[in-house]
């Protein structure tokens, strides 16, 4: 639940869209992969701003 709350704060992700994707996969491994990709995308977009 905490992960979904954090993800919902990202501006480029819709909570409903994320729920639909997770339901479509209905696979724990796919869900973990999706969360991992989301985290990577978040760090990639925030690191350049913090380094300067």
PDB file of N, CA and C in Angstrom:
ATOM      1  N   UNK A   1       0.834  -1.203   0.000  1.00  0.00           N
ATOM      2  CA  UNK A   1       0.000   0.000   0.000  1.00  0.00           C
ATOM      3  C   UNK A   1       0.871   1.257   0.000  1.00  0.00           C
ATOM      4  N   UNK A   2       1.979   1.214   0.728  1.00  0.00           N
ATOM      5  CA  UNK A   2       2.867   2.373   0.799  1.00  0.00           C
ATOM      6  C   UNK A   2       3.473   2.663  -0.561  1.00  0.00           C
ATOM      7  N   UNK A   3       3.848   1.591  -1.279  1.00  0.00           N
ATOM      8  CA  UNK A   3       4.452   1.769  -2.600  1.00  0.00           C
ATOM      9  C   UNK A   3       3.448   2.429  -3.547  1.00  0.00           C
ATOM     10  N   UNK A   4       2.201   1.963  -3.498  1.00  0.00           N
ATOM     11  CA  UNK A   4       1.177   2.531  -4.380  1.00  0.00           C
ATOM     12  C   UNK A   4       0.951   4.002  -4.030  1.00  0.00           C
ATOM     13  N   UNK A   5       1.016   4.337  -2.729  1.00  0.00           N
ATOM     14  CA  UNK A   5       0.830   5.728  -2.301  1.00  0.00           C
ATOM     15  C   UNK A   5       1.953   6.602  -2.837  1.00  0.00           C
ATOM     16  N   UNK A   6       3.179   6.095  -2.777  1.00  0.00           N
ATOM     17  CA  UNK A   6       4.328   6.846  -3.280  1.00  0.00           C
ATOM     18  C   UNK A   6       4.226   7.010  -4.791  1.00  0.00           C
ATOM     19  N   UNK A   7       3.866   5.915  -5.476  1.00  0.00           N
ATOM     20  CA  UNK A   7       3.756   5.955  -6.933  1.00  0.00           C
ATOM     21  C   UNK A   7       2.667   6.937  -7.360  1.00  0.00           C
ATOM     22  N   UNK A   8       1.587   7.014  -6.571  1.00  0.00           N
ATOM     23  CA  UNK A   8       0.476   7.901  -6.927  1.00  0.00           C
ATOM     24  C   UNK A   8       0.895   9.366  -6.866  1.00  0.00           C
ATOM     25  N   UNK A   9       1.997   9.651  -6.167  1.00  0.00           N
ATOM     26  CA  UNK A   9       2.470  11.034  -6.076  1.00  0.00           C
ATOM     27  C   UNK A   9       3.248  11.451  -7.317  1.00  0.00           C
ATOM     28  N   UNK A  10       3.661  10.485  -8.130  1.00  0.00           N
ATOM     29  CA  UNK A  10       4.383  10.819  -9.360  1.00  0.00           C
ATOM     30  C   UNK A  10       3.408  11.465 -10.348  1.00  0.00           C
ATOM     31  N   UNK A  11       3.830  12.563 -10.953  1.00  0.00           N
ATOM     32  CA  UNK A  11       2.928  13.300 -11.831  1.00  0.00           C
ATOM     33  C   UNK A  11       2.680  12.571 -13.148  1.00  0.00           C
ATOM     34  N   UNK A  12       3.636  11.723 -13.566  1.00  0.00           N
ATOM     35  CA  UNK A  12       3.511  11.088 -14.873  1.00  0.00           C
ATOM     36  C   UNK A  12       2.830   9.723 -14.787  1.00  0.00           C
ATOM     37  N   UNK A  13       2.207   9.427 -13.646  1.00  0.00           N
ATOM     38  CA  UNK A  13       1.534   8.129 -13.503  1.00  0.00           C
ATOM     39  C   UNK A  13       0.117   8.341 -12.970  1.00  0.00           C
ATOM     40  N   UNK A  14      -0.832   7.690 -13.606  1.00  0.00           N
ATOM     41  CA  UNK A  14      -2.218   7.756 -13.151  1.00  0.00           C
ATOM     42  C   UNK A  14      -2.498   6.537 -12.281  1.00  0.00           C
ATOM     43  N   UNK A  15      -3.070   6.748 -11.121  1.00  0.00           N
ATOM     44  CA  UNK A  15      -3.325   5.646 -10.191  1.00  0.00           C
ATOM     45  C   UNK A  15      -4.228   4.600 -10.836  1.00  0.00           C
ATOM     46  N   UNK A  16      -5.288   5.046 -11.503  1.00  0.00           N
ATOM     47  CA  UNK A  16      -6.216   4.112 -12.143  1.00  0.00           C
ATOM     48  C   UNK A  16      -5.520   3.321 -13.232  1.00  0.00           C
ATOM     49  N   UNK A  17      -4.660   4.001 -13.987  1.00  0.00           N
ATOM     50  CA  UNK A  17      -3.923   3.337 -15.061  1.00  0.00           C
ATOM     51  C   UNK A  17      -2.999   2.268 -14.484  1.00  0.00           C
ATOM     52  N   UNK A  18      -2.336   2.609 -13.375  1.00  0.00           N
ATOM     53  CA  UNK A  18      -1.439   1.660 -12.712  1.00  0.00           C
ATOM     54  C   UNK A  18      -2.223   0.447 -12.223  1.00  0.00           C
ATOM     55  N   UNK A  19      -3.416   0.682 -11.666  1.00  0.00           N
ATOM     56  CA  UNK A  19      -4.256  -0.404 -11.162  1.00  0.00           C
ATOM     57  C   UNK A  19      -4.676  -1.335 -12.294  1.00  0.00           C
ATOM     58  N   UNK A  20      -5.027  -0.753 -13.444  1.00  0.00           N
ATOM     59  CA  UNK A  20      -5.442  -1.555 -14.597  1.00  0.00           C
ATOM     60  C   UNK A  20      -4.290  -2.413 -15.093  1.00  0.00           C
ATOM     61  N   UNK A  21      -3.090  -1.812 -15.139  1.00  0.00           N
ATOM     62  CA  UNK A  21      -1.916  -2.554 -15.611  1.00  0.00           C
ATOM     63  C   UNK A  21      -1.600  -3.711 -14.673  1.00  0.00           C
ATOM     64  N   UNK A  22      -1.640  -3.440 -13.366  1.00  0.00           N
ATOM     65  CA  UNK A  22      -1.353  -4.490 -12.383  1.00  0.00           C
ATOM     66  C   UNK A  22      -2.392  -5.601 -12.476  1.00  0.00           C
ATOM     67  N   UNK A  23      -3.649  -5.235 -12.677  1.00  0.00           N
ATOM     68  CA  UNK A  23      -4.709  -6.233 -12.780  1.00  0.00           C
ATOM     69  C   UNK A  23      -4.553  -7.060 -14.049  1.00  0.00           C
ATOM     70  N   UNK A  24      -4.113  -6.403 -15.118  1.00  0.00           N
ATOM     71  CA  UNK A  24      -3.936  -7.097 -16.389  1.00  0.00           C
ATOM     72  C   UNK A  24      -2.831  -8.139 -16.271  1.00  0.00           C
ATOM     73  N   UNK A  25      -1.741  -7.776 -15.602  1.00  0.00           N
ATOM     74  CA  UNK A  25      -0.645  -8.727 -15.422  1.00  0.00           C
ATOM     75  C   UNK A  25      -1.067  -9.827 -14.458  1.00  0.00           C
ATOM     76  N   UNK A  26      -1.687  -9.425 -13.324  1.00  0.00           N
ATOM     77  CA  UNK A  26      -2.102 -10.356 -12.273  1.00  0.00           C
ATOM     78  C   UNK A  26      -0.980 -11.334 -11.961  1.00  0.00           C
ATOM     79  N   UNK A  27       0.253 -10.854 -12.078  1.00  0.00           N
ATOM     80  CA  UNK A  27       1.418 -11.689 -11.813  1.00  0.00           C
ATOM     81  C   UNK A  27       2.346 -10.909 -10.896  1.00  0.00           C
ATOM     82  N   UNK A  28       2.734 -11.520  -9.782  1.00  0.00           N
ATOM     83  CA  UNK A  28       3.572 -10.821  -8.805  1.00  0.00           C
ATOM     84  C   UNK A  28       4.892 -10.397  -9.427  1.00  0.00           C
ATOM     85  N   UNK A  29       5.477 -11.275 -10.234  1.00  0.00           N
ATOM     86  CA  UNK A  29       6.760 -10.955 -10.856  1.00  0.00           C
ATOM     87  C   UNK A  29       6.626  -9.756 -11.787  1.00  0.00           C
ATOM     88  N   UNK A  30       5.551  -9.721 -12.561  1.00  0.00           N
ATOM     89  CA  UNK A  30       5.338  -8.606 -13.482  1.00  0.00           C
ATOM     90  C   UNK A  30       5.095  -7.314 -12.701  1.00  0.00           C
ATOM     91  N   UNK A  31       4.396  -7.432 -11.571  1.00  0.00           N
ATOM     92  CA  UNK A  31       4.132  -6.252 -10.749  1.00  0.00           C
ATOM     93  C   UNK A  31       5.432  -5.691 -10.189  1.00  0.00           C
ATOM     94  N   UNK A  32       6.306  -6.582  -9.718  1.00  0.00           N
ATOM     95  CA  UNK A  32       7.602  -6.146  -9.183  1.00  0.00           C
ATOM     96  C   UNK A  32       8.423  -5.494 -10.286  1.00  0.00           C
ATOM     97  N   UNK A  33       8.380  -6.075 -11.486  1.00  0.00           N
ATOM     98  CA  UNK A  33       9.109  -5.496 -12.618  1.00  0.00           C
ATOM     99  C   UNK A  33       8.587  -4.095 -12.924  1.00  0.00           C
ATOM    100  N   UNK A  34       7.260  -3.946 -12.926  1.00  0.00           N
ATOM    101  CA  UNK A  34       6.659  -2.646 -13.226  1.00  0.00           C
ATOM    102  C   UNK A  34       7.076  -1.606 -12.195  1.00  0.00           C
ATOM    103  N   UNK A  35       7.065  -2.009 -10.912  1.00  0.00           N
ATOM    104  CA  UNK A  35       7.464  -1.093  -9.837  1.00  0.00           C
ATOM    105  C   UNK A  35       8.934  -0.728  -9.976  1.00  0.00           C
ATOM    106  N   UNK A  36       9.761  -1.718 -10.341  1.00  0.00           N
ATOM    107  CA  UNK A  36      11.199  -1.463 -10.505  1.00  0.00           C
ATOM    108  C   UNK A  36      11.434  -0.462 -11.636  1.00  0.00           C
ATOM    109  N   UNK A  37      10.739  -0.655 -12.753  1.00  0.00           N
ATOM    110  CA  UNK A  37      10.877   0.263 -13.892  1.00  0.00           C
ATOM    111  C   UNK A  37      10.402   1.665 -13.506  1.00  0.00           C
ATOM    112  N   UNK A  38       9.323   1.723 -12.724  1.00  0.00           N
ATOM    113  CA  UNK A  38       8.803   3.013 -12.279  1.00  0.00           C
ATOM    114  C   UNK A  38       9.809   3.737 -11.399  1.00  0.00           C
ATOM    115  N   UNK A  39      10.438   2.976 -10.482  1.00  0.00           N
ATOM    116  CA  UNK A  39      11.440   3.575  -9.595  1.00  0.00           C
ATOM    117  C   UNK A  39      12.630   4.080 -10.401  1.00  0.00           C
ATOM    118  N   UNK A  40      13.064   3.284 -11.380  1.00  0.00           N
ATOM    119  CA  UNK A  40      14.193   3.691 -12.228  1.00  0.00           C
ATOM    120  C   UNK A  40      13.841   4.969 -12.986  1.00  0.00           C
ATOM    121  N   UNK A  41      12.634   5.015 -13.532  1.00  0.00           N
ATOM    122  CA  UNK A  41      12.203   6.199 -14.276  1.00  0.00           C
ATOM    123  C   UNK A  41      12.156   7.420 -13.358  1.00  0.00           C
ATOM    124  N   UNK A  42      11.737   7.201 -12.106  1.00  0.00           N
ATOM    125  CA  UNK A  42      11.667   8.301 -11.143  1.00  0.00           C
ATOM    126  C   UNK A  42      13.059   8.841 -10.838  1.00  0.00           C
ATOM    127  N   UNK A  43      14.002   7.931 -10.595  1.00  0.00           N
ATOM    128  CA  UNK A  43      15.372   8.353 -10.281  1.00  0.00           C
ATOM    129  C   UNK A  43      16.022   9.036 -11.481  1.00  0.00           C
ATOM    130  N   UNK A  44      15.754   8.514 -12.673  1.00  0.00           N
ATOM    131  CA  UNK A  44      16.341   9.098 -13.888  1.00  0.00           C
ATOM    132  C   UNK A  44      15.849  10.534 -14.085  1.00  0.00           C
ATOM    133  N   UNK A  45      14.602  10.789 -13.728  1.00  0.00           N
ATOM    134  CA  UNK A  45      14.038  12.128 -13.938  1.00  0.00           C
ATOM    135  C   UNK A  45      14.418  13.086 -12.817  1.00  0.00           C
ATOM    136  N   UNK A  46      14.755  12.566 -11.632  1.00  0.00           N
ATOM    137  CA  UNK A  46      15.051  13.445 -10.495  1.00  0.00           C
ATOM    138  C   UNK A  46      16.543  13.665 -10.291  1.00  0.00           C
ATOM    139  N   UNK A  47      17.377  12.687 -10.641  1.00  0.00           N
ATOM    140  CA  UNK A  47      18.819  12.816 -10.413  1.00  0.00           C
ATOM    141  C   UNK A  47      19.445  14.005 -11.146  1.00  0.00           C
ATOM    142  N   UNK A  48      19.140  14.232 -12.425  1.00  0.00           N
ATOM    143  CA  UNK A  48      19.727  15.378 -13.128  1.00  0.00           C
ATOM    144  C   UNK A  48      19.402  16.705 -12.442  1.00  0.00           C
ATOM    145  N   UNK A  49      18.208  16.824 -11.885  1.00  0.00           N
ATOM    146  CA  UNK A  49      17.807  18.058 -11.221  1.00  0.00           C
ATOM    147  C   UNK A  49      18.532  18.250  -9.896  1.00  0.00           C
ATOM    148  N   UNK A  50      18.850  17.157  -9.211  1.00  0.00           N
ATOM    149  CA  UNK A  50      19.499  17.259  -7.906  1.00  0.00           C
ATOM    150  C   UNK A  50      21.008  17.438  -8.043  1.00  0.00           C
ATOM    151  N   UNK A  51      21.586  16.972  -9.134  1.00  0.00           N
ATOM    152  CA  UNK A  51      23.040  17.040  -9.300  1.00  0.00           C
ATOM    153  C   UNK A  51      23.488  18.479  -9.533  1.00  0.00           C
ATOM    154  N   UNK A  52      22.588  19.297 -10.077  1.00  0.00           N
ATOM    155  CA  UNK A  52      22.972  20.691 -10.351  1.00  0.00           C
ATOM    156  C   UNK A  52      22.568  21.573  -9.171  1.00  0.00           C
TER     157      UNK A  52
END
